[in-house]
Amino acid sequence: MAKGYWIARIDVHDAEAYKKYVAANAAPITRHKGRFLVRGGESQAPEGSPRARNVVIEFPSYQEALDCYNSEDYQHAISLRAPVSDGDVVIIKGYDGPQPGD
């Protein structure tokens, strides 16, 4: 089964208030078996518009990624994030088919 991923690109306008979102997202992400693959860190945007913060979270399945995002407690976390940041979030199904050279 293909995994599911959240890909988020965020500009934070109030770092102190954003910490409340980070604290609130821990329970739903943990409950849905999410695993951070990228959480901030150094980045470059050779194409497109950069954002200050980039995050990739892996879930056991696409459905689990959707369920986490749509959960009541994650929706509460979004209400804490939205006023203090701008960004884009994509939920995407992973690919487990042939790779180059296969």
PDB file of N, CA and C in Angstrom:
ATOM      1  N   MET A   1       0.834  -1.172   0.000  1.00  0.00           N
ATOM      2  CA  MET A   1       0.000   0.000   0.000  1.00  0.00           C
ATOM      3  C   MET A   1       0.889   1.249   0.000  1.00  0.00           C
ATOM      4  N   ALA A   2       0.544   2.192  -0.840  1.00  0.00           N
ATOM      5  CA  ALA A   2       1.310   3.434  -0.912  1.00  0.00           C
ATOM      6  C   ALA A   2       1.087   4.278   0.341  1.00  0.00           C
ATOM      7  N   LYS A   3       2.131   4.926   0.795  1.00  0.00           N
ATOM      8  CA  LYS A   3       2.040   5.805   1.952  1.00  0.00           C
ATOM      9  C   LYS A   3       1.375   7.117   1.547  1.00  0.00           C
ATOM     10  N   GLY A   4       1.009   7.903   2.528  1.00  0.00           N
ATOM     11  CA  GLY A   4       0.453   9.230   2.296  1.00  0.00           C
ATOM     12  C   GLY A   4       1.390  10.271   2.877  1.00  0.00           C
ATOM     13  N   TYR A   5       1.368  11.462   2.295  1.00  0.00           N
ATOM     14  CA  TYR A   5       2.279  12.525   2.719  1.00  0.00           C
ATOM     15  C   TYR A   5       1.548  13.855   2.804  1.00  0.00           C
ATOM     16  N   TRP A   6       1.946  14.644   3.789  1.00  0.00           N
ATOM     17  CA  TRP A   6       1.597  16.057   3.808  1.00  0.00           C
ATOM     18  C   TRP A   6       2.848  16.790   3.371  1.00  0.00           C
ATOM     19  N   ILE A   7       2.690  17.700   2.442  1.00  0.00           N
ATOM     20  CA  ILE A   7       3.766  18.594   2.048  1.00  0.00           C
ATOM     21  C   ILE A   7       3.270  20.004   2.339  1.00  0.00           C
ATOM     22  N   ALA A   8       3.940  20.674   3.260  1.00  0.00           N
ATOM     23  CA  ALA A   8       3.516  22.006   3.676  1.00  0.00           C
ATOM     24  C   ALA A   8       4.649  23.002   3.456  1.00  0.00           C
ATOM     25  N   ARG A   9       4.277  24.167   2.940  1.00  0.00           N
ATOM     26  CA  ARG A   9       5.218  25.267   2.750  1.00  0.00           C
ATOM     27  C   ARG A   9       4.595  26.460   3.456  1.00  0.00           C
ATOM     28  N   ILE A  10       5.263  26.960   4.481  1.00  0.00           N
ATOM     29  CA  ILE A  10       4.663  27.933   5.387  1.00  0.00           C
ATOM     30  C   ILE A  10       5.580  29.139   5.604  1.00  0.00           C
ATOM     31  N   ASP A  11       4.980  30.328   5.639  1.00  0.00           N
ATOM     32  CA  ASP A  11       5.644  31.542   6.112  1.00  0.00           C
ATOM     33  C   ASP A  11       4.997  31.894   7.448  1.00  0.00           C
ATOM     34  N   VAL A  12       5.781  31.907   8.494  1.00  0.00           N
ATOM     35  CA  VAL A  12       5.292  32.188   9.846  1.00  0.00           C
ATOM     36  C   VAL A  12       5.505  33.674  10.139  1.00  0.00           C
ATOM     37  N   HIS A  13       4.433  34.343  10.606  1.00  0.00           N
ATOM     38  CA  HIS A  13       4.507  35.771  10.904  1.00  0.00           C
ATOM     39  C   HIS A  13       4.647  36.061  12.396  1.00  0.00           C
ATOM     40  N   ASP A  14       4.327  35.090  13.233  1.00  0.00           N
ATOM     41  CA  ASP A  14       4.446  35.249  14.682  1.00  0.00           C
ATOM     42  C   ASP A  14       4.950  33.925  15.257  1.00  0.00           C
ATOM     43  N   ALA A  15       6.256  33.830  15.408  1.00  0.00           N
ATOM     44  CA  ALA A  15       6.889  32.570  15.827  1.00  0.00           C
ATOM     45  C   ALA A  15       6.414  32.126  17.210  1.00  0.00           C
ATOM     46  N   GLU A  16       6.181  33.060  18.107  1.00  0.00           N
ATOM     47  CA  GLU A  16       5.744  32.696  19.462  1.00  0.00           C
ATOM     48  C   GLU A  16       4.343  32.084  19.425  1.00  0.00           C
ATOM     49  N   ALA A  17       3.430  32.691  18.706  1.00  0.00           N
ATOM     50  CA  ALA A  17       2.064  32.160  18.598  1.00  0.00           C
ATOM     51  C   ALA A  17       2.045  30.844  17.820  1.00  0.00           C
ATOM     52  N   TYR A  18       2.946  30.677  16.858  1.00  0.00           N
ATOM     53  CA  TYR A  18       3.023  29.454  16.054  1.00  0.00           C
ATOM     54  C   TYR A  18       3.352  28.239  16.927  1.00  0.00           C
ATOM     55  N   LYS A  19       4.045  28.465  18.028  1.00  0.00           N
ATOM     56  CA  LYS A  19       4.378  27.366  18.940  1.00  0.00           C
ATOM     57  C   LYS A  19       3.126  26.680  19.479  1.00  0.00           C
ATOM     58  N   LYS A  20       2.028  27.422  19.619  1.00  0.00           N
ATOM     59  CA  LYS A  20       0.765  26.827  20.070  1.00  0.00           C
ATOM     60  C   LYS A  20       0.249  25.826  19.034  1.00  0.00           C
ATOM     61  N   TYR A  21       0.401  26.152  17.756  1.00  0.00           N
ATOM     62  CA  TYR A  21       0.022  25.220  16.688  1.00  0.00           C
ATOM     63  C   TYR A  21       0.880  23.956  16.754  1.00  0.00           C
ATOM     64  N   VAL A  22       2.184  24.132  16.903  1.00  0.00           N
ATOM     65  CA  VAL A  22       3.096  22.984  16.963  1.00  0.00           C
ATOM     66  C   VAL A  22       2.711  22.060  18.124  1.00  0.00           C
ATOM     67  N   ALA A  23       2.393  22.643  19.274  1.00  0.00           N
ATOM     68  CA  ALA A  23       1.984  21.833  20.424  1.00  0.00           C
ATOM     69  C   ALA A  23       0.661  21.118  20.147  1.00  0.00           C
ATOM     70  N   ALA A  24      -0.266  21.802  19.489  1.00  0.00           N
ATOM     71  CA  ALA A  24      -1.595  21.223  19.233  1.00  0.00           C
ATOM     72  C   ALA A  24      -1.573  20.158  18.150  1.00  0.00           C
ATOM     73  N   ASN A  25      -0.621  20.207  17.226  1.00  0.00           N
ATOM     74  CA  ASN A  25      -0.623  19.215  16.142  1.00  0.00           C
ATOM     75  C   ASN A  25       0.014  17.890  16.552  1.00  0.00           C
ATOM     76  N   ALA A  26       0.712  17.860  17.678  1.00  0.00           N
ATOM     77  CA  ALA A  26       1.436  16.649  18.083  1.00  0.00           C
ATOM     78  C   ALA A  26       0.507  15.456  18.302  1.00  0.00           C
ATOM     79  N   ALA A  27      -0.596  15.649  19.000  1.00  0.00           N
ATOM     80  CA  ALA A  27      -1.492  14.525  19.315  1.00  0.00           C
ATOM     81  C   ALA A  27      -2.121  13.918  18.061  1.00  0.00           C
ATOM     82  N   PRO A  28      -2.719  14.712  17.164  1.00  0.00           N
ATOM     83  CA  PRO A  28      -3.318  14.071  15.990  1.00  0.00           C
ATOM     84  C   PRO A  28      -2.283  13.426  15.066  1.00  0.00           C
ATOM     85  N   ILE A  29      -1.135  14.051  14.906  1.00  0.00           N
ATOM     86  CA  ILE A  29      -0.108  13.463  14.038  1.00  0.00           C
ATOM     87  C   ILE A  29       0.388  12.151  14.640  1.00  0.00           C
ATOM     88  N   THR A  30       0.603  12.125  15.940  1.00  0.00           N
ATOM     89  CA  THR A  30       1.033  10.898  16.608  1.00  0.00           C
ATOM     90  C   THR A  30      -0.032   9.814  16.504  1.00  0.00           C
ATOM     91  N   ARG A  31      -1.276  10.172  16.772  1.00  0.00           N
ATOM     92  CA  ARG A  31      -2.378   9.197  16.739  1.00  0.00           C
ATOM     93  C   ARG A  31      -2.530   8.571  15.347  1.00  0.00           C
ATOM     94  N   HIS A  32      -2.256   9.348  14.310  1.00  0.00           N
ATOM     95  CA  HIS A  32      -2.402   8.840  12.940  1.00  0.00           C
ATOM     96  C   HIS A  32      -1.076   8.323  12.385  1.00  0.00           C
ATOM     97  N   LYS A  33      -0.126   8.123  13.273  1.00  0.00           N
ATOM     98  CA  LYS A  33       1.166   7.497  12.950  1.00  0.00           C
ATOM     99  C   LYS A  33       1.986   8.313  11.948  1.00  0.00           C
ATOM    100  N   GLY A  34       1.871   9.639  12.050  1.00  0.00           N
ATOM    101  CA  GLY A  34       2.663  10.517  11.195  1.00  0.00           C
ATOM    102  C   GLY A  34       4.111  10.556  11.642  1.00  0.00           C
ATOM    103  N   ARG A  35       4.988  10.755  10.670  1.00  0.00           N
ATOM    104  CA  ARG A  35       6.435  10.781  10.933  1.00  0.00           C
ATOM    105  C   ARG A  35       7.040  11.923  10.130  1.00  0.00           C
ATOM    106  N   PHE A  36       7.691  12.864  10.812  1.00  0.00           N
ATOM    107  CA  PHE A  36       8.311  13.992  10.123  1.00  0.00           C
ATOM    108  C   PHE A  36       9.531  13.516   9.337  1.00  0.00           C
ATOM    109  N   LEU A  37       9.538  13.798   8.052  1.00  0.00           N
ATOM    110  CA  LEU A  37      10.703  13.535   7.210  1.00  0.00           C
ATOM    111  C   LEU A  37      11.492  14.822   6.997  1.00  0.00           C
ATOM    112  N   VAL A  38      10.784  15.930   6.937  1.00  0.00           N
ATOM    113  CA  VAL A  38      11.384  17.261   6.806  1.00  0.00           C
ATOM    114  C   VAL A  38      10.628  18.157   7.772  1.00  0.00           C
ATOM    115  N   ARG A  39      11.354  18.924   8.559  1.00  0.00           N
ATOM    116  CA  ARG A  39      10.707  19.835   9.509  1.00  0.00           C
ATOM    117  C   ARG A  39      11.550  21.095   9.594  1.00  0.00           C
ATOM    118  N   GLY A  40      11.308  21.996   8.645  1.00  0.00           N
ATOM    119  CA  GLY A  40      12.135  23.194   8.558  1.00  0.00           C
ATOM    120  C   GLY A  40      13.443  22.840   7.888  1.00  0.00           C
ATOM    121  N   GLY A  41      14.508  23.387   8.367  1.00  0.00           N
ATOM    122  CA  GLY A  41      15.826  23.056   7.817  1.00  0.00           C
ATOM    123  C   GLY A  41      16.199  23.919   6.624  1.00  0.00           C
ATOM    124  N   GLU A  42      17.429  23.791   6.259  1.00  0.00           N
ATOM    125  CA  GLU A  42      17.975  24.558   5.141  1.00  0.00           C
ATOM    126  C   GLU A  42      17.316  24.125   3.838  1.00  0.00           C
ATOM    127  N   SER A  43      17.013  25.099   2.980  1.00  0.00           N
ATOM    128  CA  SER A  43      16.401  24.773   1.695  1.00  0.00           C
ATOM    129  C   SER A  43      16.743  25.834   0.660  1.00  0.00           C
ATOM    130  N   GLN A  44      16.548  25.475  -0.589  1.00  0.00           N
ATOM    131  CA  GLN A  44      16.676  26.386  -1.722  1.00  0.00           C
ATOM    132  C   GLN A  44      15.468  26.173  -2.612  1.00  0.00           C
ATOM    133  N   ALA A  45      15.077  27.195  -3.347  1.00  0.00           N
ATOM    134  CA  ALA A  45      13.961  27.095  -4.289  1.00  0.00           C
ATOM    135  C   ALA A  45      14.457  27.515  -5.675  1.00  0.00           C
ATOM    136  N   PRO A  46      15.109  26.587  -6.391  1.00  0.00           N
ATOM    137  CA  PRO A  46      15.625  26.947  -7.706  1.00  0.00           C
ATOM    138  C   PRO A  46      14.523  27.246  -8.721  1.00  0.00           C
ATOM    139  N   GLU A  47      13.294  26.819  -8.433  1.00  0.00           N
ATOM    140  CA  GLU A  47      12.145  27.130  -9.286  1.00  0.00           C
ATOM    141  C   GLU A  47      10.962  27.454  -8.383  1.00  0.00           C
ATOM    142  N   GLY A  48      10.124  28.371  -8.808  1.00  0.00           N
ATOM    143  CA  GLY A  48       8.938  28.710  -8.030  1.00  0.00           C
ATOM    144  C   GLY A  48       9.229  29.696  -6.912  1.00  0.00           C
ATOM    145  N   SER A  49       8.231  29.914  -6.085  1.00  0.00           N
ATOM    146  CA  SER A  49       8.319  30.874  -4.988  1.00  0.00           C
ATOM    147  C   SER A  49       8.681  30.155  -3.695  1.00  0.00           C
ATOM    148  N   PRO A  50       9.727  30.606  -3.020  1.00  0.00           N
ATOM    149  CA  PRO A  50      10.125  29.946  -1.775  1.00  0.00           C
ATOM    150  C   PRO A  50       9.203  30.324  -0.617  1.00  0.00           C
ATOM    151  N   ARG A  51       9.185  29.493   0.384  1.00  0.00           N
ATOM    152  CA  ARG A  51       8.549  29.773   1.671  1.00  0.00           C
ATOM    153  C   ARG A  51       9.614  29.574   2.731  1.00  0.00           C
ATOM    154  N   ALA A  52       9.444  30.194   3.867  1.00  0.00           N
ATOM    155  CA  ALA A  52      10.461  30.142   4.915  1.00  0.00           C
ATOM    156  C   ALA A  52      10.557  28.771   5.580  1.00  0.00           C
ATOM    157  N   ARG A  53       9.430  28.048   5.662  1.00  0.00           N
ATOM    158  CA  ARG A  53       9.404  26.771   6.384  1.00  0.00           C
ATOM    159  C   ARG A  53       8.781  25.711   5.488  1.00  0.00           C
ATOM    160  N   ASN A  54       9.446  24.575   5.379  1.00  0.00           N
ATOM    161  CA  ASN A  54       8.962  23.459   4.575  1.00  0.00           C
ATOM    162  C   ASN A  54       8.899  22.221   5.456  1.00  0.00           C
ATOM    163  N   VAL A  55       7.791  21.467   5.315  1.00  0.00           N
ATOM    164  CA  VAL A  55       7.574  20.295   6.154  1.00  0.00           C
ATOM    165  C   VAL A  55       7.036  19.163   5.290  1.00  0.00           C
ATOM    166  N   VAL A  56       7.549  17.959   5.509  1.00  0.00           N
ATOM    167  CA  VAL A  56       7.009  16.753   4.874  1.00  0.00           C
ATOM    168  C   VAL A  56       6.754  15.747   5.995  1.00  0.00           C
ATOM    169  N   ILE A  57       5.504  15.270   6.063  1.00  0.00           N
ATOM    170  CA  ILE A  57       5.127  14.272   7.064  1.00  0.00           C
ATOM    171  C   ILE A  57       4.630  13.030   6.331  1.00  0.00           C
ATOM    172  N   GLU A  58       5.160  11.889   6.715  1.00  0.00           N
ATOM    173  CA  GLU A  58       4.788  10.605   6.113  1.00  0.00           C
ATOM    174  C   GLU A  58       3.772   9.901   7.012  1.00  0.00           C
ATOM    175  N   PHE A  59       2.740   9.333   6.392  1.00  0.00           N
ATOM    176  CA  PHE A  59       1.730   8.540   7.090  1.00  0.00           C
ATOM    177  C   PHE A  59       1.711   7.138   6.479  1.00  0.00           C
ATOM    178  N   PRO A  60       1.221   6.146   7.219  1.00  0.00           N
ATOM    179  CA  PRO A  60       1.212   4.774   6.712  1.00  0.00           C
ATOM    180  C   PRO A  60       0.409   4.605   5.420  1.00  0.00           C
ATOM    181  N   SER A  61      -0.572   5.492   5.194  1.00  0.00           N
ATOM    182  CA  SER A  61      -1.390   5.409   3.984  1.00  0.00           C
ATOM    183  C   SER A  61      -1.940   6.790   3.640  1.00  0.00           C
ATOM    184  N   TYR A  62      -2.399   6.932   2.419  1.00  0.00           N
ATOM    185  CA  TYR A  62      -3.050   8.169   1.979  1.00  0.00           C
ATOM    186  C   TYR A  62      -4.287   8.436   2.828  1.00  0.00           C
ATOM    187  N   GLN A  63      -5.071   7.392   3.108  1.00  0.00           N
ATOM    188  CA  GLN A  63      -6.284   7.572   3.916  1.00  0.00           C
ATOM    189  C   GLN A  63      -5.947   8.059   5.316  1.00  0.00           C
ATOM    190  N   GLU A  64      -4.885   7.528   5.896  1.00  0.00           N
ATOM    191  CA  GLU A  64      -4.470   7.970   7.237  1.00  0.00           C
ATOM    192  C   GLU A  64      -4.073   9.446   7.214  1.00  0.00           C
ATOM    193  N   ALA A  65      -3.401   9.869   6.144  1.00  0.00           N
ATOM    194  CA  ALA A  65      -3.022  11.284   6.007  1.00  0.00           C
ATOM    195  C   ALA A  65      -4.266  12.167   5.922  1.00  0.00           C
ATOM    196  N   LEU A  66      -5.259  11.731   5.152  1.00  0.00           N
ATOM    197  CA  LEU A  66      -6.513  12.486   5.047  1.00  0.00           C
ATOM    198  C   LEU A  66      -7.250  12.508   6.378  1.00  0.00           C
ATOM    199  N   ASP A  67      -7.319  11.357   7.039  1.00  0.00           N
ATOM    200  CA  ASP A  67      -8.029  11.262   8.315  1.00  0.00           C
ATOM    201  C   ASP A  67      -7.399  12.179   9.364  1.00  0.00           C
ATOM    202  N   CYS A  68      -6.093  12.238   9.391  1.00  0.00           N
ATOM    203  CA  CYS A  68      -5.413  13.111  10.346  1.00  0.00           C
ATOM    204  C   CYS A  68      -5.768  14.570  10.068  1.00  0.00           C
ATOM    205  N   TYR A  69      -5.640  14.972   8.818  1.00  0.00           N
ATOM    206  CA  TYR A  69      -5.923  16.370   8.464  1.00  0.00           C
ATOM    207  C   TYR A  69      -7.360  16.745   8.815  1.00  0.00           C
ATOM    208  N   ASN A  70      -8.284  15.840   8.564  1.00  0.00           N
ATOM    209  CA  ASN A  70      -9.700  16.132   8.786  1.00  0.00           C
ATOM    210  C   ASN A  70     -10.167  15.891  10.217  1.00  0.00           C
ATOM    211  N   SER A  71      -9.287  15.403  11.080  1.00  0.00           N
ATOM    212  CA  SER A  71      -9.675  15.125  12.463  1.00  0.00           C
ATOM    213  C   SER A  71     -10.024  16.431  13.186  1.00  0.00           C
ATOM    214  N   GLU A  72     -10.892  16.299  14.161  1.00  0.00           N
ATOM    215  CA  GLU A  72     -11.344  17.473  14.911  1.00  0.00           C
ATOM    216  C   GLU A  72     -10.181  18.189  15.600  1.00  0.00           C
ATOM    217  N   ASP A  73      -9.264  17.420  16.185  1.00  0.00           N
ATOM    218  CA  ASP A  73      -8.174  18.079  16.901  1.00  0.00           C
ATOM    219  C   ASP A  73      -7.150  18.709  15.961  1.00  0.00           C
ATOM    220  N   TYR A  74      -6.962  18.149  14.769  1.00  0.00           N
ATOM    221  CA  TYR A  74      -6.065  18.844  13.835  1.00  0.00           C
ATOM    222  C   TYR A  74      -6.733  20.093  13.274  1.00  0.00           C
ATOM    223  N   GLN A  75      -8.023  20.040  13.056  1.00  0.00           N
ATOM    224  CA  GLN A  75      -8.735  21.244  12.610  1.00  0.00           C
ATOM    225  C   GLN A  75      -8.611  22.351  13.663  1.00  0.00           C
ATOM    226  N   HIS A  76      -8.614  21.984  14.936  1.00  0.00           N
ATOM    227  CA  HIS A  76      -8.370  22.965  16.000  1.00  0.00           C
ATOM    228  C   HIS A  76      -6.953  23.540  15.852  1.00  0.00           C
ATOM    229  N   ALA A  77      -5.970  22.682  15.595  1.00  0.00           N
ATOM    230  CA  ALA A  77      -4.593  23.153  15.427  1.00  0.00           C
ATOM    231  C   ALA A  77      -4.509  24.155  14.271  1.00  0.00           C
ATOM    232  N   ILE A  78      -5.220  23.878  13.182  1.00  0.00           N
ATOM    233  CA  ILE A  78      -5.224  24.808  12.046  1.00  0.00           C
ATOM    234  C   ILE A  78      -5.742  26.178  12.482  1.00  0.00           C
ATOM    235  N   SER A  79      -6.751  26.193  13.352  1.00  0.00           N
ATOM    236  CA  SER A  79      -7.298  27.478  13.814  1.00  0.00           C
ATOM    237  C   SER A  79      -6.259  28.288  14.580  1.00  0.00           C
ATOM    238  N   LEU A  80      -5.259  27.640  15.143  1.00  0.00           N
ATOM    239  CA  LEU A  80      -4.167  28.332  15.819  1.00  0.00           C
ATOM    240  C   LEU A  80      -3.098  28.796  14.831  1.00  0.00           C
ATOM    241  N   ARG A  81      -2.900  28.033  13.773  1.00  0.00           N
ATOM    242  CA  ARG A  81      -1.878  28.354  12.778  1.00  0.00           C
ATOM    243  C   ARG A  81      -2.314  29.450  11.817  1.00  0.00           C
ATOM    244  N   ALA A  82      -3.537  29.377  11.359  1.00  0.00           N
ATOM    245  CA  ALA A  82      -4.006  30.252  10.277  1.00  0.00           C
ATOM    246  C   ALA A  82      -3.810  31.748  10.539  1.00  0.00           C
ATOM    247  N   PRO A  83      -4.093  32.264  11.724  1.00  0.00           N
ATOM    248  CA  PRO A  83      -3.936  33.708  11.927  1.00  0.00           C
ATOM    249  C   PRO A  83      -2.487  34.195  11.946  1.00  0.00           C
ATOM    250  N   VAL A  84      -1.546  33.281  12.140  1.00  0.00           N
ATOM    251  CA  VAL A  84      -0.144  33.704  12.311  1.00  0.00           C
ATOM    252  C   VAL A  84       0.771  33.214  11.201  1.00  0.00           C
ATOM    253  N   SER A  85       0.179  32.689  10.112  1.00  0.00           N
ATOM    254  CA  SER A  85       1.015  32.186   9.014  1.00  0.00           C
ATOM    255  C   SER A  85       0.233  32.166   7.712  1.00  0.00           C
ATOM    256  N   ASP A  86       0.973  32.049   6.630  1.00  0.00           N
ATOM    257  CA  ASP A  86       0.410  31.823   5.301  1.00  0.00           C
ATOM    258  C   ASP A  86       1.115  30.608   4.738  1.00  0.00           C
ATOM    259  N   GLY A  87       0.403  29.833   3.944  1.00  0.00           N
ATOM    260  CA  GLY A  87       1.088  28.682   3.379  1.00  0.00           C
ATOM    261  C   GLY A  87       0.231  27.837   2.482  1.00  0.00           C
ATOM    262  N   ASP A  88       0.825  26.764   2.057  1.00  0.00           N
ATOM    263  CA  ASP A  88       0.198  25.790   1.173  1.00  0.00           C
ATOM    264  C   ASP A  88       0.405  24.412   1.795  1.00  0.00           C
ATOM    265  N   VAL A  89      -0.644  23.589   1.760  1.00  0.00           N
ATOM    266  CA  VAL A  89      -0.546  22.215   2.233  1.00  0.00           C
ATOM    267  C   VAL A  89      -1.115  21.315   1.140  1.00  0.00           C
ATOM    268  N   VAL A  90      -0.372  20.286   0.786  1.00  0.00           N
ATOM    269  CA  VAL A  90      -0.813  19.293  -0.188  1.00  0.00           C
ATOM    270  C   VAL A  90      -0.789  17.943   0.517  1.00  0.00           C
ATOM    271  N   ILE A  91      -1.856  17.175   0.343  1.00  0.00           N
ATOM    272  CA  ILE A  91      -1.882  15.791   0.831  1.00  0.00           C
ATOM    273  C   ILE A  91      -1.822  14.915  -0.402  1.00  0.00           C
ATOM    274  N   ILE A  92      -0.843  14.044  -0.441  1.00  0.00           N
ATOM    275  CA  ILE A  92      -0.566  13.312  -1.677  1.00  0.00           C
ATOM    276  C   ILE A  92      -0.332  11.833  -1.389  1.00  0.00           C
ATOM    277  N   LYS A  93      -0.802  11.005  -2.288  1.00  0.00           N
ATOM    278  CA  LYS A  93      -0.581   9.562  -2.189  1.00  0.00           C
ATOM    279  C   LYS A  93       0.798   9.246  -2.739  1.00  0.00           C
ATOM    280  N   GLY A  94       1.560   8.466  -1.994  1.00  0.00           N
ATOM    281  CA  GLY A  94       2.898   8.077  -2.430  1.00  0.00           C
ATOM    282  C   GLY A  94       2.860   7.175  -3.648  1.00  0.00           C
ATOM    283  N   TYR A  95       3.999   6.994  -4.233  1.00  0.00           N
ATOM    284  CA  TYR A  95       4.163   6.169  -5.434  1.00  0.00           C
ATOM    285  C   TYR A  95       4.997   4.961  -5.073  1.00  0.00           C
ATOM    286  N   ASP A  96       4.499   3.764  -5.399  1.00  0.00           N
ATOM    287  CA  ASP A  96       5.283   2.566  -5.118  1.00  0.00           C
ATOM    288  C   ASP A  96       5.416   1.683  -6.365  1.00  0.00           C
ATOM    289  N   GLY A  97       5.451   2.334  -7.525  1.00  0.00           N
ATOM    290  CA  GLY A  97       5.595   1.622  -8.788  1.00  0.00           C
ATOM    291  C   GLY A  97       7.044   1.537  -9.230  1.00  0.00           C
ATOM    292  N   PRO A  98       7.256   1.167 -10.496  1.00  0.00           N
ATOM    293  CA  PRO A  98       8.619   1.029 -11.025  1.00  0.00           C
ATOM    294  C   PRO A  98       9.411   2.331 -10.939  1.00  0.00           C
ATOM    295  N   GLN A  99      10.700   2.187 -10.750  1.00  0.00           N
ATOM    296  CA  GLN A  99      11.594   3.311 -10.687  1.00  0.00           C
ATOM    297  C   GLN A  99      12.539   3.278 -11.881  1.00  0.00           C
ATOM    298  N   PRO A 100      13.156   4.417 -12.212  1.00  0.00           N
ATOM    299  CA  PRO A 100      14.141   4.411 -13.295  1.00  0.00           C
ATOM    300  C   PRO A 100      15.201   3.340 -13.033  1.00  0.00           C
ATOM    301  N   GLY A 101      15.531   2.624 -14.030  1.00  0.00           N
ATOM    302  CA  GLY A 101      16.523   1.568 -13.903  1.00  0.00           C
ATOM    303  C   GLY A 101      15.957   0.219 -13.503  1.00  0.00           C
ATOM    304  N   ASP A 102      14.652   0.175 -13.159  1.00  0.00           N
ATOM    305  CA  ASP A 102      14.028  -1.122 -12.799  1.00  0.00           C
ATOM    306  C   ASP A 102      13.772  -1.956 -14.034  1.00  0.00           C
TER     307      ASP A 102
END
